[in-house]
ModelCIF file with pLDDT and N, C-alpha, C, O atoms, coordinates in Angstrom:
data_MODEL
#
_entry.id   MODEL 
#
_entity.id                         1 
_entity.type                       polymer 
_entity.pdbx_number_of_molecules   1 
#
_entity_poly.entity_id                      1 
_entity_poly.type                           'polypeptide(L)' 
_entity_poly.nstd_linkage                   no 
_entity_poly.nstd_monomer                   no 
_entity_poly.pdbx_seq_one_letter_code       TFDWKWLQARLADPATNSDLLAQALLTPSL 
_entity_poly.pdbx_seq_one_letter_code_can   TFDWKWLQARLADPATNSDLLAQALLTPSL 
_entity_poly.pdbx_strand_id                 A 
#
loop_
_entity_poly_seq.entity_id 
_entity_poly_seq.num 
_entity_poly_seq.mon_id 
_entity_poly_seq.hetero 
1 1  THR n 
1 2  PHE n 
1 3  ASP n 
1 4  TRP n 
1 5  LYS n 
1 6  TRP n 
1 7  LEU n 
1 8  GLN n 
1 9  ALA n 
1 10 ARG n 
1 11 LEU n 
1 12 ALA n 
1 13 ASP n 
1 14 PRO n 
1 15 ALA n 
1 16 THR n 
1 17 ASN n 
1 18 SER n 
1 19 ASP n 
1 20 LEU n 
1 21 LEU n 
1 22 ALA n 
1 23 GLN n 
1 24 ALA n 
1 25 LEU n 
1 26 LEU n 
1 27 THR n 
1 28 PRO n 
1 29 SER n 
1 30 LEU n 
#
_struct_asym.id          A 
_struct_asym.entity_id   1 
#
loop_
_ma_qa_metric.id 
_ma_qa_metric.mode 
_ma_qa_metric.name 
_ma_qa_metric.software_group_id 
_ma_qa_metric.type 
1 global pLDDT . pLDDT 
2 local  pLDDT . pLDDT 
#
_ma_qa_metric_global.metric_id      1 
_ma_qa_metric_global.metric_value   95.10 
_ma_qa_metric_global.model_id       1 
_ma_qa_metric_global.ordinal_id     1 
#
loop_
_ma_qa_metric_local.label_asym_id 
_ma_qa_metric_local.label_comp_id 
_ma_qa_metric_local.label_seq_id 
_ma_qa_metric_local.metric_id 
_ma_qa_metric_local.metric_value 
_ma_qa_metric_local.model_id 
_ma_qa_metric_local.ordinal_id 
A THR 1  2 94.00 1 1  
A PHE 2  2 96.00 1 2  
A ASP 3  2 96.00 1 3  
A TRP 4  2 97.00 1 4  
A LYS 5  2 97.00 1 5  
A TRP 6  2 97.00 1 6  
A LEU 7  2 97.00 1 7  
A GLN 8  2 97.00 1 8  
A ALA 9  2 97.00 1 9  
A ARG 10 2 97.00 1 10 
A LEU 11 2 97.00 1 11 
A ALA 12 2 97.00 1 12 
A ASP 13 2 95.00 1 13 
A PRO 14 2 96.00 1 14 
A ALA 15 2 96.00 1 15 
A THR 16 2 96.00 1 16 
A ASN 17 2 94.00 1 17 
A SER 18 2 95.00 1 18 
A ASP 19 2 94.00 1 19 
A LEU 20 2 93.00 1 20 
A LEU 21 2 94.00 1 21 
A ALA 22 2 94.00 1 22 
A GLN 23 2 94.00 1 23 
A ALA 24 2 94.00 1 24 
A LEU 25 2 94.00 1 25 
A LEU 26 2 94.00 1 26 
A THR 27 2 95.00 1 27 
A PRO 28 2 93.00 1 28 
A SER 29 2 92.00 1 29 
A LEU 30 2 91.00 1 30 
#
loop_
_atom_site.group_PDB 
_atom_site.id 
_atom_site.type_symbol 
_atom_site.label_atom_id 
_atom_site.label_alt_id 
_atom_site.label_comp_id 
_atom_site.label_asym_id 
_atom_site.label_entity_id 
_atom_site.label_seq_id 
_atom_site.pdbx_PDB_ins_code 
_atom_site.Cartn_x 
_atom_site.Cartn_y 
_atom_site.Cartn_z 
_atom_site.occupancy 
_atom_site.B_iso_or_equiv 
_atom_site.pdbx_formal_charge 
_atom_site.auth_seq_id 
_atom_site.auth_comp_id 
_atom_site.auth_asym_id 
_atom_site.auth_atom_id 
_atom_site.pdbx_PDB_model_num 
ATOM 1   N N  . THR A 1 1  ? 6.239  26.307  2.752  1.00 94.00 ? 1  THR A N  1 
ATOM 2   C CA . THR A 1 1  ? 5.678  25.418  3.734  1.00 94.00 ? 1  THR A CA 1 
ATOM 3   C C  . THR A 1 1  ? 5.592  23.717  4.072  1.00 94.00 ? 1  THR A C  1 
ATOM 4   O O  . THR A 1 1  ? 5.347  22.880  4.941  1.00 94.00 ? 1  THR A O  1 
ATOM 5   N N  . PHE A 1 2  ? 5.912  23.885  2.960  1.00 96.00 ? 2  PHE A N  1 
ATOM 6   C CA . PHE A 1 2  ? 6.244  22.081  2.510  1.00 96.00 ? 2  PHE A CA 1 
ATOM 7   C C  . PHE A 1 2  ? 5.794  20.967  3.691  1.00 96.00 ? 2  PHE A C  1 
ATOM 8   O O  . PHE A 1 2  ? 6.526  21.076  4.675  1.00 96.00 ? 2  PHE A O  1 
ATOM 9   N N  . ASP A 1 3  ? 4.507  19.657  3.866  1.00 96.00 ? 3  ASP A N  1 
ATOM 10  C CA . ASP A 1 3  ? 4.095  18.759  5.213  1.00 96.00 ? 3  ASP A CA 1 
ATOM 11  C C  . ASP A 1 3  ? 5.348  17.498  4.528  1.00 96.00 ? 3  ASP A C  1 
ATOM 12  O O  . ASP A 1 3  ? 4.841  16.559  3.914  1.00 96.00 ? 3  ASP A O  1 
ATOM 13  N N  . TRP A 1 4  ? 6.551  17.513  4.625  1.00 97.00 ? 4  TRP A N  1 
ATOM 14  C CA . TRP A 1 4  ? 7.049  16.860  4.833  1.00 97.00 ? 4  TRP A CA 1 
ATOM 15  C C  . TRP A 1 4  ? 6.584  15.595  6.255  1.00 97.00 ? 4  TRP A C  1 
ATOM 16  O O  . TRP A 1 4  ? 7.428  14.980  6.907  1.00 97.00 ? 4  TRP A O  1 
ATOM 17  N N  . LYS A 1 5  ? 5.552  15.513  6.384  1.00 97.00 ? 5  LYS A N  1 
ATOM 18  C CA . LYS A 1 5  ? 5.330  13.337  7.706  1.00 97.00 ? 5  LYS A CA 1 
ATOM 19  C C  . LYS A 1 5  ? 4.505  13.526  6.354  1.00 97.00 ? 5  LYS A C  1 
ATOM 20  O O  . LYS A 1 5  ? 5.036  12.529  5.863  1.00 97.00 ? 5  LYS A O  1 
ATOM 21  N N  . TRP A 1 6  ? 3.768  13.903  5.469  1.00 97.00 ? 6  TRP A N  1 
ATOM 22  C CA . TRP A 1 6  ? 2.906  13.781  4.878  1.00 97.00 ? 6  TRP A CA 1 
ATOM 23  C C  . TRP A 1 6  ? 3.383  12.774  3.761  1.00 97.00 ? 6  TRP A C  1 
ATOM 24  O O  . TRP A 1 6  ? 2.904  11.642  3.692  1.00 97.00 ? 6  TRP A O  1 
ATOM 25  N N  . LEU A 1 7  ? 4.568  13.338  2.692  1.00 97.00 ? 7  LEU A N  1 
ATOM 26  C CA . LEU A 1 7  ? 5.431  12.716  1.965  1.00 97.00 ? 7  LEU A CA 1 
ATOM 27  C C  . LEU A 1 7  ? 5.824  11.262  2.406  1.00 97.00 ? 7  LEU A C  1 
ATOM 28  O O  . LEU A 1 7  ? 5.793  10.264  1.687  1.00 97.00 ? 7  LEU A O  1 
ATOM 29  N N  . GLN A 1 8  ? 6.373  11.362  4.336  1.00 97.00 ? 8  GLN A N  1 
ATOM 30  C CA . GLN A 1 8  ? 6.607  10.110  4.074  1.00 97.00 ? 8  GLN A CA 1 
ATOM 31  C C  . GLN A 1 8  ? 6.241  9.109   4.554  1.00 97.00 ? 8  GLN A C  1 
ATOM 32  O O  . GLN A 1 8  ? 6.792  8.020   4.718  1.00 97.00 ? 8  GLN A O  1 
ATOM 33  N N  . ALA A 1 9  ? 4.514  9.785   4.975  1.00 97.00 ? 9  ALA A N  1 
ATOM 34  C CA . ALA A 1 9  ? 3.752  8.756   4.955  1.00 97.00 ? 9  ALA A CA 1 
ATOM 35  C C  . ALA A 1 9  ? 3.456  8.197   3.547  1.00 97.00 ? 9  ALA A C  1 
ATOM 36  O O  . ALA A 1 9  ? 3.351  6.990   3.333  1.00 97.00 ? 9  ALA A O  1 
ATOM 37  N N  . ARG A 1 10 ? 3.338  9.070   2.678  1.00 97.00 ? 10 ARG A N  1 
ATOM 38  C CA . ARG A 1 10 ? 3.614  8.628   1.362  1.00 97.00 ? 10 ARG A CA 1 
ATOM 39  C C  . ARG A 1 10 ? 4.253  7.002   1.114  1.00 97.00 ? 10 ARG A C  1 
ATOM 40  O O  . ARG A 1 10 ? 3.949  5.809   1.087  1.00 97.00 ? 10 ARG A O  1 
ATOM 41  N N  . LEU A 1 11 ? 5.464  8.059   0.949  1.00 97.00 ? 11 LEU A N  1 
ATOM 42  C CA . LEU A 1 11 ? 6.552  6.399   0.648  1.00 97.00 ? 11 LEU A CA 1 
ATOM 43  C C  . LEU A 1 11 ? 7.055  5.434   1.524  1.00 97.00 ? 11 LEU A C  1 
ATOM 44  O O  . LEU A 1 11 ? 8.147  4.882   1.656  1.00 97.00 ? 11 LEU A O  1 
ATOM 45  N N  . ALA A 1 12 ? 5.493  5.347   2.338  1.00 97.00 ? 12 ALA A N  1 
ATOM 46  C CA . ALA A 1 12 ? 5.547  4.051   3.905  1.00 97.00 ? 12 ALA A CA 1 
ATOM 47  C C  . ALA A 1 12 ? 4.548  3.429   2.782  1.00 97.00 ? 12 ALA A C  1 
ATOM 48  O O  . ALA A 1 12 ? 4.997  2.448   2.191  1.00 97.00 ? 12 ALA A O  1 
ATOM 49  N N  . ASP A 1 13 ? 3.558  3.770   2.502  1.00 95.00 ? 13 ASP A N  1 
ATOM 50  C CA . ASP A 1 13 ? 2.600  2.977   2.138  1.00 95.00 ? 13 ASP A CA 1 
ATOM 51  C C  . ASP A 1 13 ? 1.676  3.845   1.220  1.00 95.00 ? 13 ASP A C  1 
ATOM 52  O O  . ASP A 1 13 ? 0.664  4.462   1.555  1.00 95.00 ? 13 ASP A O  1 
ATOM 53  N N  . PRO A 1 14 ? 2.330  3.739   -0.169 1.00 96.00 ? 14 PRO A N  1 
ATOM 54  C CA . PRO A 1 14 ? 1.688  4.217   -2.070 1.00 96.00 ? 14 PRO A CA 1 
ATOM 55  C C  . PRO A 1 14 ? 0.553  3.124   -1.683 1.00 96.00 ? 14 PRO A C  1 
ATOM 56  O O  . PRO A 1 14 ? -0.386 3.916   -1.604 1.00 96.00 ? 14 PRO A O  1 
ATOM 57  N N  . ALA A 1 15 ? 0.358  2.699   -1.582 1.00 96.00 ? 15 ALA A N  1 
ATOM 58  C CA . ALA A 1 15 ? -0.944 1.693   -1.962 1.00 96.00 ? 15 ALA A CA 1 
ATOM 59  C C  . ALA A 1 15 ? -1.568 1.314   -1.053 1.00 96.00 ? 15 ALA A C  1 
ATOM 60  O O  . ALA A 1 15 ? -1.115 0.273   -0.577 1.00 96.00 ? 15 ALA A O  1 
ATOM 61  N N  . THR A 1 16 ? -2.327 1.649   -0.633 1.00 96.00 ? 16 THR A N  1 
ATOM 62  C CA . THR A 1 16 ? -3.236 0.673   0.566  1.00 96.00 ? 16 THR A CA 1 
ATOM 63  C C  . THR A 1 16 ? -4.185 -0.330  -0.086 1.00 96.00 ? 16 THR A C  1 
ATOM 64  O O  . THR A 1 16 ? -4.580 -0.360  -1.252 1.00 96.00 ? 16 THR A O  1 
ATOM 65  N N  . ASN A 1 17 ? -4.357 -0.840  0.553  1.00 94.00 ? 17 ASN A N  1 
ATOM 66  C CA . ASN A 1 17 ? -5.341 -2.337  0.296  1.00 94.00 ? 17 ASN A CA 1 
ATOM 67  C C  . ASN A 1 17 ? -4.739 -3.128  -1.151 1.00 94.00 ? 17 ASN A C  1 
ATOM 68  O O  . ASN A 1 17 ? -4.917 -4.312  -1.439 1.00 94.00 ? 17 ASN A O  1 
ATOM 69  N N  . SER A 1 18 ? -4.071 -2.224  -1.853 1.00 95.00 ? 18 SER A N  1 
ATOM 70  C CA . SER A 1 18 ? -3.662 -3.233  -3.389 1.00 95.00 ? 18 SER A CA 1 
ATOM 71  C C  . SER A 1 18 ? -2.890 -4.302  -2.826 1.00 95.00 ? 18 SER A C  1 
ATOM 72  O O  . SER A 1 18 ? -2.427 -4.925  -3.781 1.00 95.00 ? 18 SER A O  1 
ATOM 73  N N  . ASP A 1 19 ? -2.354 -5.060  -1.252 1.00 94.00 ? 19 ASP A N  1 
ATOM 74  C CA . ASP A 1 19 ? -2.106 -5.863  -1.146 1.00 94.00 ? 19 ASP A CA 1 
ATOM 75  C C  . ASP A 1 19 ? -2.447 -7.141  -1.221 1.00 94.00 ? 19 ASP A C  1 
ATOM 76  O O  . ASP A 1 19 ? -1.969 -8.142  -1.756 1.00 94.00 ? 19 ASP A O  1 
ATOM 77  N N  . LEU A 1 20 ? -3.834 -6.778  -0.249 1.00 93.00 ? 20 LEU A N  1 
ATOM 78  C CA . LEU A 1 20 ? -4.989 -8.154  -0.248 1.00 93.00 ? 20 LEU A CA 1 
ATOM 79  C C  . LEU A 1 20 ? -6.118 -7.957  -1.470 1.00 93.00 ? 20 LEU A C  1 
ATOM 80  O O  . LEU A 1 20 ? -7.122 -8.661  -1.361 1.00 93.00 ? 20 LEU A O  1 
ATOM 81  N N  . LEU A 1 21 ? -6.039 -7.059  -2.626 1.00 94.00 ? 21 LEU A N  1 
ATOM 82  C CA . LEU A 1 21 ? -6.578 -7.412  -3.878 1.00 94.00 ? 21 LEU A CA 1 
ATOM 83  C C  . LEU A 1 21 ? -5.627 -8.437  -4.307 1.00 94.00 ? 21 LEU A C  1 
ATOM 84  O O  . LEU A 1 21 ? -5.935 -9.545  -3.869 1.00 94.00 ? 21 LEU A O  1 
ATOM 85  N N  . ALA A 1 22 ? -4.493 -8.418  -5.076 1.00 94.00 ? 22 ALA A N  1 
ATOM 86  C CA . ALA A 1 22 ? -3.433 -9.070  -4.915 1.00 94.00 ? 22 ALA A CA 1 
ATOM 87  C C  . ALA A 1 22 ? -3.790 -10.527 -4.380 1.00 94.00 ? 22 ALA A C  1 
ATOM 88  O O  . ALA A 1 22 ? -4.306 -11.430 -5.038 1.00 94.00 ? 22 ALA A O  1 
ATOM 89  N N  . GLN A 1 23 ? -3.373 -10.561 -2.938 1.00 94.00 ? 23 GLN A N  1 
ATOM 90  C CA . GLN A 1 23 ? -3.818 -11.664 -2.493 1.00 94.00 ? 23 GLN A CA 1 
ATOM 91  C C  . GLN A 1 23 ? -4.999 -12.335 -2.961 1.00 94.00 ? 23 GLN A C  1 
ATOM 92  O O  . GLN A 1 23 ? -4.744 -13.534 -3.076 1.00 94.00 ? 23 GLN A O  1 
ATOM 93  N N  . ALA A 1 24 ? -6.155 -12.074 -3.271 1.00 94.00 ? 24 ALA A N  1 
ATOM 94  C CA . ALA A 1 24 ? -7.391 -12.270 -3.150 1.00 94.00 ? 24 ALA A CA 1 
ATOM 95  C C  . ALA A 1 24 ? -7.780 -12.924 -4.891 1.00 94.00 ? 24 ALA A C  1 
ATOM 96  O O  . ALA A 1 24 ? -8.855 -13.428 -5.218 1.00 94.00 ? 24 ALA A O  1 
ATOM 97  N N  . LEU A 1 25 ? -6.472 -12.708 -5.862 1.00 94.00 ? 25 LEU A N  1 
ATOM 98  C CA . LEU A 1 25 ? -6.261 -13.042 -6.809 1.00 94.00 ? 25 LEU A CA 1 
ATOM 99  C C  . LEU A 1 25 ? -5.452 -13.663 -7.478 1.00 94.00 ? 25 LEU A C  1 
ATOM 100 O O  . LEU A 1 25 ? -5.639 -13.908 -8.670 1.00 94.00 ? 25 LEU A O  1 
ATOM 101 N N  . LEU A 1 26 ? -4.688 -13.929 -6.994 1.00 94.00 ? 26 LEU A N  1 
ATOM 102 C CA . LEU A 1 26 ? -3.245 -14.389 -6.981 1.00 94.00 ? 26 LEU A CA 1 
ATOM 103 C C  . LEU A 1 26 ? -2.921 -15.671 -6.312 1.00 94.00 ? 26 LEU A C  1 
ATOM 104 O O  . LEU A 1 26 ? -2.032 -16.399 -6.752 1.00 94.00 ? 26 LEU A O  1 
ATOM 105 N N  . THR A 1 27 ? -3.884 -16.082 -4.856 1.00 95.00 ? 27 THR A N  1 
ATOM 106 C CA . THR A 1 27 ? -3.067 -17.037 -4.079 1.00 95.00 ? 27 THR A CA 1 
ATOM 107 C C  . THR A 1 27 ? -3.968 -18.633 -4.040 1.00 95.00 ? 27 THR A C  1 
ATOM 108 O O  . THR A 1 27 ? -5.139 -18.960 -3.849 1.00 95.00 ? 27 THR A O  1 
ATOM 109 N N  . PRO A 1 28 ? -2.719 -19.328 -4.325 1.00 93.00 ? 28 PRO A N  1 
ATOM 110 C CA . PRO A 1 28 ? -3.548 -20.746 -5.698 1.00 93.00 ? 28 PRO A CA 1 
ATOM 111 C C  . PRO A 1 28 ? -3.916 -21.349 -4.764 1.00 93.00 ? 28 PRO A C  1 
ATOM 112 O O  . PRO A 1 28 ? -4.676 -22.290 -4.994 1.00 93.00 ? 28 PRO A O  1 
ATOM 113 N N  . SER A 1 29 ? -3.515 -21.046 -3.272 1.00 92.00 ? 29 SER A N  1 
ATOM 114 C CA . SER A 1 29 ? -3.893 -22.699 -2.942 1.00 92.00 ? 29 SER A CA 1 
ATOM 115 C C  . SER A 1 29 ? -4.489 -22.097 -1.396 1.00 92.00 ? 29 SER A C  1 
ATOM 116 O O  . SER A 1 29 ? -3.989 -21.051 -0.984 1.00 92.00 ? 29 SER A O  1 
ATOM 117 N N  . LEU A 1 30 ? -5.761 -22.915 -0.409 1.00 91.00 ? 30 LEU A N  1 
ATOM 118 C CA . LEU A 1 30 ? -5.583 -22.539 0.980  1.00 91.00 ? 30 LEU A CA 1 
ATOM 119 C C  . LEU A 1 30 ? -4.901 -22.791 1.912  1.00 91.00 ? 30 LEU A C  1 
ATOM 120 O O  . LEU A 1 30 ? -5.083 -22.216 2.985  1.00 91.00 ? 30 LEU A O  1 
#
């Protein structure tokens, strides 16, 4: 009964908000 929609969602967004944290710490200028 595995939920394939669950897997599809995880593959589409495996690391929520990590891009925001990376940008806050790595964006070199305004």
